[in-house]
Amino acid sequence: MTFDANLTACAGLVQHGDPDRFAATMASPLSTRRRLFPLYAFNVEVARAPWVTKEPMIAEMRLQWWRDALEEIAEGRPPRRHEVVTPMARMLTPDQARALDTLVAARRWDIGTEAFEDETALWRYLDATTGTLLWTAAASLGAPAGDEAALRQTARAVALANWMLALPELEARGKRPMHDGRPETLAVLAKGALTDLAAQSVLSPAAHQALLSGWRARHILKTVSKHPQRVARAALVTPDLHRSITLIRARLLGRI
């Protein structure tokens, strides 16, 4: 797979829509970037689909477009021409395409304003979105099937950290993203997620490459566990120097 115009477009989408994953991918070998940029661009497009319109029906149609594209890939039919779909079709297996369909289906929650009924429902959503994305990334890089459970457990921490970052904006847009948003509850969730990071110790190098996109998770969760009130203030910003050091360290050590 060459770094053609489609892959360049995918990289641009990730750079503007998901800066943390862009930085992590640029810190990876070229062969890894060729596989991760289409996946992460797909995630950017799907994640923003429910937000570009106030009409629920149009949002549903946008998500269905991606489900149809994944169905074409899963069934081995000629995929539609698209700067993201085209490179994805070259790298995804039918099973991986079907798995990503669960990610798109989970994003239907973003269309409405209802809250998750409980903590279990929140974790189910985070696993279907971030967990599925990172496992598909790892599998596409050659991670063995035996890595899936440990990777998904580690991805819980990454997903929750990203969710904490997003909470203020979600609430500003009229969402109710937490069944219980009290600071003490956020602190407990963050402390629990930090223990999930230990699962990465048994993972293959390919899985670690996929997890590099969660390089800020530990710092964010530690901050929330000690200062949960910062979540509401959107004060989880990492200083630039610390960001650079954290990414380099994660890349060299092979863990986040």
Protein backbone atom coordinates (compact mmCIF):
# COMPACT_ATOMS: atom_id res chain seq x y z
CA MET A 1 0.00 0.00 0.00
CA THR A 2 1.60 3.28 -1.10
CA PHE A 3 1.05 6.63 0.60
CA ASP A 4 -1.21 7.93 -2.13
CA ALA A 5 -3.66 10.84 -2.28
CA ASN A 6 -6.29 8.90 -0.30
CA LEU A 7 -3.90 8.13 2.54
CA THR A 8 -2.72 11.73 2.56
CA ALA A 9 -6.35 12.84 2.84
CA CYS A 10 -6.89 10.38 5.71
CA ALA A 11 -3.86 11.80 7.51
CA GLY A 12 -5.27 15.30 7.08
CA LEU A 13 -8.62 14.28 8.54
CA VAL A 14 -6.92 12.79 11.59
CA GLN A 15 -4.61 15.77 12.02
CA HIS A 16 -7.54 18.18 12.24
CA GLY A 17 -10.09 15.92 13.92
CA ASP A 18 -8.02 13.86 16.35
CA PRO A 19 -4.67 15.56 17.11
CA ASP A 20 -3.60 13.08 19.80
CA ARG A 21 -3.98 10.09 17.49
CA PHE A 22 -2.28 12.02 14.71
CA ALA A 23 0.74 12.70 16.92
CA ALA A 24 0.90 9.05 17.99
CA THR A 25 0.62 7.78 14.43
CA MET A 26 3.31 10.15 13.18
CA ALA A 27 5.58 8.72 15.90
CA SER A 28 5.07 5.24 14.39
CA PRO A 29 6.85 3.59 11.45
CA LEU A 30 5.62 4.43 7.96
CA SER A 31 4.17 0.95 7.47
CA THR A 32 2.09 1.43 10.63
CA ARG A 33 0.84 4.84 9.52
CA ARG A 34 -0.45 3.35 6.29
CA ARG A 35 -2.80 1.12 8.25
CA LEU A 36 -3.74 3.41 11.11
CA PHE A 37 -4.54 6.62 9.25
CA PRO A 38 -7.50 5.11 7.30
CA LEU A 39 -8.94 3.60 10.50
CA TYR A 40 -8.55 6.77 12.51
CA ALA A 41 -9.94 8.88 9.66
CA PHE A 42 -12.94 6.56 9.55
CA ASN A 43 -13.38 7.08 13.30
CA VAL A 44 -13.23 10.87 12.90
CA GLU A 45 -15.87 10.80 10.18
CA VAL A 46 -18.21 8.48 12.10
CA ALA A 47 -17.77 10.33 15.40
CA ARG A 48 -18.72 13.67 13.89
CA ALA A 49 -21.61 12.38 11.76
CA PRO A 50 -24.24 12.85 14.52
CA TRP A 51 -23.02 16.38 15.25
CA VAL A 52 -23.06 18.02 11.82
CA THR A 53 -26.85 18.26 11.76
CA LYS A 54 -29.67 18.88 14.23
CA GLU A 55 -31.97 16.58 12.26
CA PRO A 56 -31.93 13.05 13.79
CA MET A 57 -33.02 11.47 10.52
CA ILE A 58 -30.14 13.02 8.60
CA ALA A 59 -27.71 11.91 11.31
CA GLU A 60 -29.07 8.37 11.04
CA MET A 61 -28.60 8.50 7.26
CA ARG A 62 -25.00 9.63 7.65
CA LEU A 63 -24.23 6.73 9.98
CA GLN A 64 -26.07 4.31 7.70
CA TRP A 65 -23.83 5.42 4.82
CA TRP A 66 -20.83 4.14 6.75
CA ARG A 67 -22.60 0.92 7.70
CA ASP A 68 -23.38 0.32 4.03
CA ALA A 69 -19.74 0.93 3.12
CA LEU A 70 -18.59 -1.57 5.75
CA GLU A 71 -21.13 -4.10 4.50
CA GLU A 72 -19.66 -3.83 1.00
CA ILE A 73 -16.21 -4.56 2.39
CA ALA A 74 -17.45 -7.43 4.58
CA GLU A 75 -19.24 -9.07 1.65
CA GLY A 76 -16.32 -8.64 -0.75
CA ARG A 77 -18.27 -6.39 -3.08
CA PRO A 78 -16.55 -3.50 -4.91
CA PRO A 79 -16.54 -0.71 -2.31
CA ARG A 80 -17.71 2.80 -3.06
CA ARG A 81 -15.01 5.24 -4.08
CA HIS A 82 -14.14 7.45 -1.14
CA GLU A 83 -10.89 8.81 0.28
CA VAL A 84 -11.40 6.83 3.51
CA VAL A 85 -13.36 3.81 2.31
CA THR A 86 -10.97 3.02 -0.55
CA PRO A 87 -7.84 2.49 1.60
CA MET A 88 -9.87 0.79 4.33
CA ALA A 89 -11.18 -1.75 1.82
CA ARG A 90 -7.61 -2.71 0.95
CA MET A 91 -6.65 -3.52 4.53
CA LEU A 92 -9.74 -4.77 6.39
CA THR A 93 -10.77 -8.40 6.59
CA PRO A 94 -14.50 -9.19 6.39
CA ASP A 95 -14.57 -9.87 10.15
CA GLN A 96 -12.86 -6.55 10.90
CA ALA A 97 -15.38 -4.71 8.74
CA ARG A 98 -18.23 -6.40 10.61
CA ALA A 99 -16.65 -5.45 13.94
CA LEU A 100 -16.44 -1.82 12.90
CA ASP A 101 -20.15 -1.91 12.11
CA THR A 102 -20.75 -2.29 15.86
CA LEU A 103 -18.76 0.91 16.38
CA VAL A 104 -20.99 2.82 13.96
CA ALA A 105 -24.13 1.36 15.53
CA ALA A 106 -22.97 2.47 18.99
CA ARG A 107 -22.60 6.04 17.72
CA ARG A 108 -26.38 6.24 17.33
CA TRP A 109 -26.40 7.16 21.03
CA ASP A 110 -24.74 10.46 20.07
CA ILE A 111 -27.80 11.51 18.08
CA GLY A 112 -30.14 11.80 21.06
CA THR A 113 -29.91 13.47 24.46
CA GLU A 114 -30.79 10.63 26.77
CA ALA A 115 -28.34 9.65 29.50
CA PHE A 116 -26.79 6.22 29.90
CA GLU A 117 -29.01 4.32 32.29
CA ASP A 118 -26.08 3.17 34.43
CA GLU A 119 -22.33 2.68 34.54
CA THR A 120 -22.59 -0.64 32.71
CA ALA A 121 -24.23 1.07 29.74
CA LEU A 122 -21.46 3.67 29.63
CA TRP A 123 -18.75 0.99 29.59
CA ARG A 124 -20.63 -0.89 26.88
CA TYR A 125 -20.59 2.23 24.71
CA LEU A 126 -16.90 2.93 25.36
CA ASP A 127 -15.94 -0.64 24.53
CA ALA A 128 -18.02 -0.64 21.33
CA THR A 129 -16.37 2.60 20.19
CA THR A 130 -12.81 3.01 21.47
CA GLY A 131 -12.36 -0.66 22.34
CA THR A 132 -13.41 -1.83 18.89
CA LEU A 133 -11.36 0.83 17.13
CA LEU A 134 -8.15 -0.02 18.99
CA TRP A 135 -8.62 -3.77 18.68
CA THR A 136 -9.21 -3.45 14.94
CA ALA A 137 -6.10 -1.29 14.70
CA ALA A 138 -4.06 -3.86 16.61
CA ALA A 139 -5.40 -6.78 14.56
CA SER A 140 -4.64 -4.94 11.32
CA LEU A 141 -1.04 -4.57 12.52
CA GLY A 142 -0.77 -8.30 13.18
CA ALA A 143 -1.71 -8.66 16.85
CA PRO A 144 -2.78 -12.24 17.65
CA ALA A 145 -6.39 -13.01 18.62
CA GLY A 146 -5.22 -13.81 22.14
CA ASP A 147 -4.45 -10.12 22.68
CA GLU A 148 -8.06 -8.99 22.33
CA ALA A 149 -9.22 -9.32 25.95
CA ALA A 150 -6.19 -7.57 27.44
CA LEU A 151 -6.21 -4.87 24.78
CA ARG A 152 -9.89 -4.12 25.32
CA GLN A 153 -9.28 -3.90 29.06
CA THR A 154 -6.46 -1.43 28.52
CA ALA A 155 -8.63 0.44 26.02
CA ARG A 156 -11.17 1.03 28.82
CA ALA A 157 -8.67 3.40 30.41
CA VAL A 158 -8.00 5.16 27.10
CA ALA A 159 -11.73 5.47 26.41
CA LEU A 160 -12.54 6.86 29.84
CA ALA A 161 -9.72 9.41 29.65
CA ASN A 162 -11.01 10.63 26.29
CA TRP A 163 -14.55 10.70 27.67
CA MET A 164 -13.45 12.88 30.60
CA LEU A 165 -11.91 15.32 28.12
CA ALA A 166 -15.15 15.44 26.12
CA LEU A 167 -17.61 15.83 29.01
CA PRO A 168 -17.79 19.66 29.10
CA GLU A 169 -18.47 19.94 25.38
CA LEU A 170 -21.00 17.11 25.43
CA GLU A 171 -22.90 18.84 28.21
CA ALA A 172 -22.71 22.16 26.39
CA ARG A 173 -24.35 20.48 23.40
CA GLY A 174 -27.27 19.32 25.53
CA LYS A 175 -26.10 15.77 26.18
CA ARG A 176 -26.26 13.98 29.51
CA PRO A 177 -23.04 11.97 29.21
CA MET A 178 -22.86 10.65 32.78
CA HIS A 179 -25.48 8.80 34.79
CA ASP A 180 -23.74 10.27 37.85
CA GLY A 181 -21.46 13.21 37.18
CA ARG A 182 -20.50 14.10 40.74
CA PRO A 183 -16.75 14.79 41.17
CA GLU A 184 -16.38 11.93 43.64
CA THR A 185 -17.90 9.53 41.11
CA LEU A 186 -15.53 10.70 38.40
CA ALA A 187 -12.58 10.20 40.74
CA VAL A 188 -13.63 6.63 41.52
CA LEU A 189 -14.06 5.83 37.83
CA ALA A 190 -10.63 7.27 37.02
CA LYS A 191 -8.92 5.30 39.79
CA GLY A 192 -10.54 2.10 38.57
CA ALA A 193 -9.53 2.76 34.98
CA LEU A 194 -5.91 3.30 36.02
CA THR A 195 -5.78 -0.32 37.18
CA ASP A 196 -6.94 -1.42 33.71
CA LEU A 197 -3.68 -0.10 32.26
CA ALA A 198 -1.84 -3.01 33.91
CA ALA A 199 -3.39 -5.38 31.35
CA GLN A 200 -1.09 -4.04 28.64
CA SER A 201 1.90 -5.86 30.17
CA VAL A 202 0.99 -9.10 28.35
CA LEU A 203 0.34 -7.59 24.93
CA SER A 204 2.29 -8.09 21.71
CA PRO A 205 4.33 -5.27 20.09
CA ALA A 206 1.62 -4.88 17.43
CA ALA A 207 -1.01 -4.28 20.11
CA HIS A 208 1.23 -1.74 21.81
CA GLN A 209 1.55 0.14 18.54
CA ALA A 210 -2.23 0.50 18.41
CA LEU A 211 -2.40 1.57 22.05
CA LEU A 212 0.10 4.36 21.51
CA SER A 213 -2.84 6.54 20.48
CA GLY A 214 -3.83 6.53 24.16
CA TRP A 215 -0.53 8.01 25.29
CA ARG A 216 -2.22 10.73 27.39
CA ALA A 217 -4.58 8.40 29.24
CA ARG A 218 -2.49 7.78 32.35
CA HIS A 219 -1.82 11.46 32.98
CA ILE A 220 -5.46 12.42 32.43
CA LEU A 221 -6.80 9.69 34.71
CA LYS A 222 -4.32 10.52 37.46
CA THR A 223 -5.40 14.15 37.28
CA VAL A 224 -9.09 13.25 37.46
CA SER A 225 -8.52 10.83 40.35
CA LYS A 226 -6.88 13.62 42.39
CA HIS A 227 -8.68 16.70 41.08
CA PRO A 228 -12.04 15.59 39.59
CA GLN A 229 -13.40 19.14 39.68
CA ARG A 230 -11.09 19.96 36.78
CA VAL A 231 -13.29 17.93 34.45
CA ALA A 232 -16.17 20.41 34.59
CA ARG A 233 -13.76 23.29 34.09
CA ALA A 234 -12.22 21.62 31.02
CA ALA A 235 -8.90 21.97 32.83
CA LEU A 236 -7.27 18.68 31.85
CA VAL A 237 -4.83 20.32 29.45
CA THR A 238 -1.36 18.78 29.35
CA PRO A 239 1.54 21.26 28.97
CA ASP A 240 3.24 21.00 25.57
CA LEU A 241 6.59 19.88 26.96
CA HIS A 242 4.95 17.21 29.10
CA ARG A 243 2.92 16.03 26.09
CA SER A 244 6.05 15.58 24.01
CA ILE A 245 7.92 13.76 26.76
CA THR A 246 4.95 11.51 27.48
CA LEU A 247 4.58 10.49 23.84
CA ILE A 248 8.31 9.84 23.39
CA ARG A 249 8.41 7.83 26.59
CA ALA A 250 5.41 5.71 25.59
CA ARG A 251 6.96 5.08 22.18
CA LEU A 252 10.31 4.01 23.64
CA LEU A 253 8.95 1.93 26.53
CA GLY A 254 6.20 0.26 24.49
CA ARG A 255 3.47 1.08 27.01
CA ILE A 256 1.18 3.98 27.79
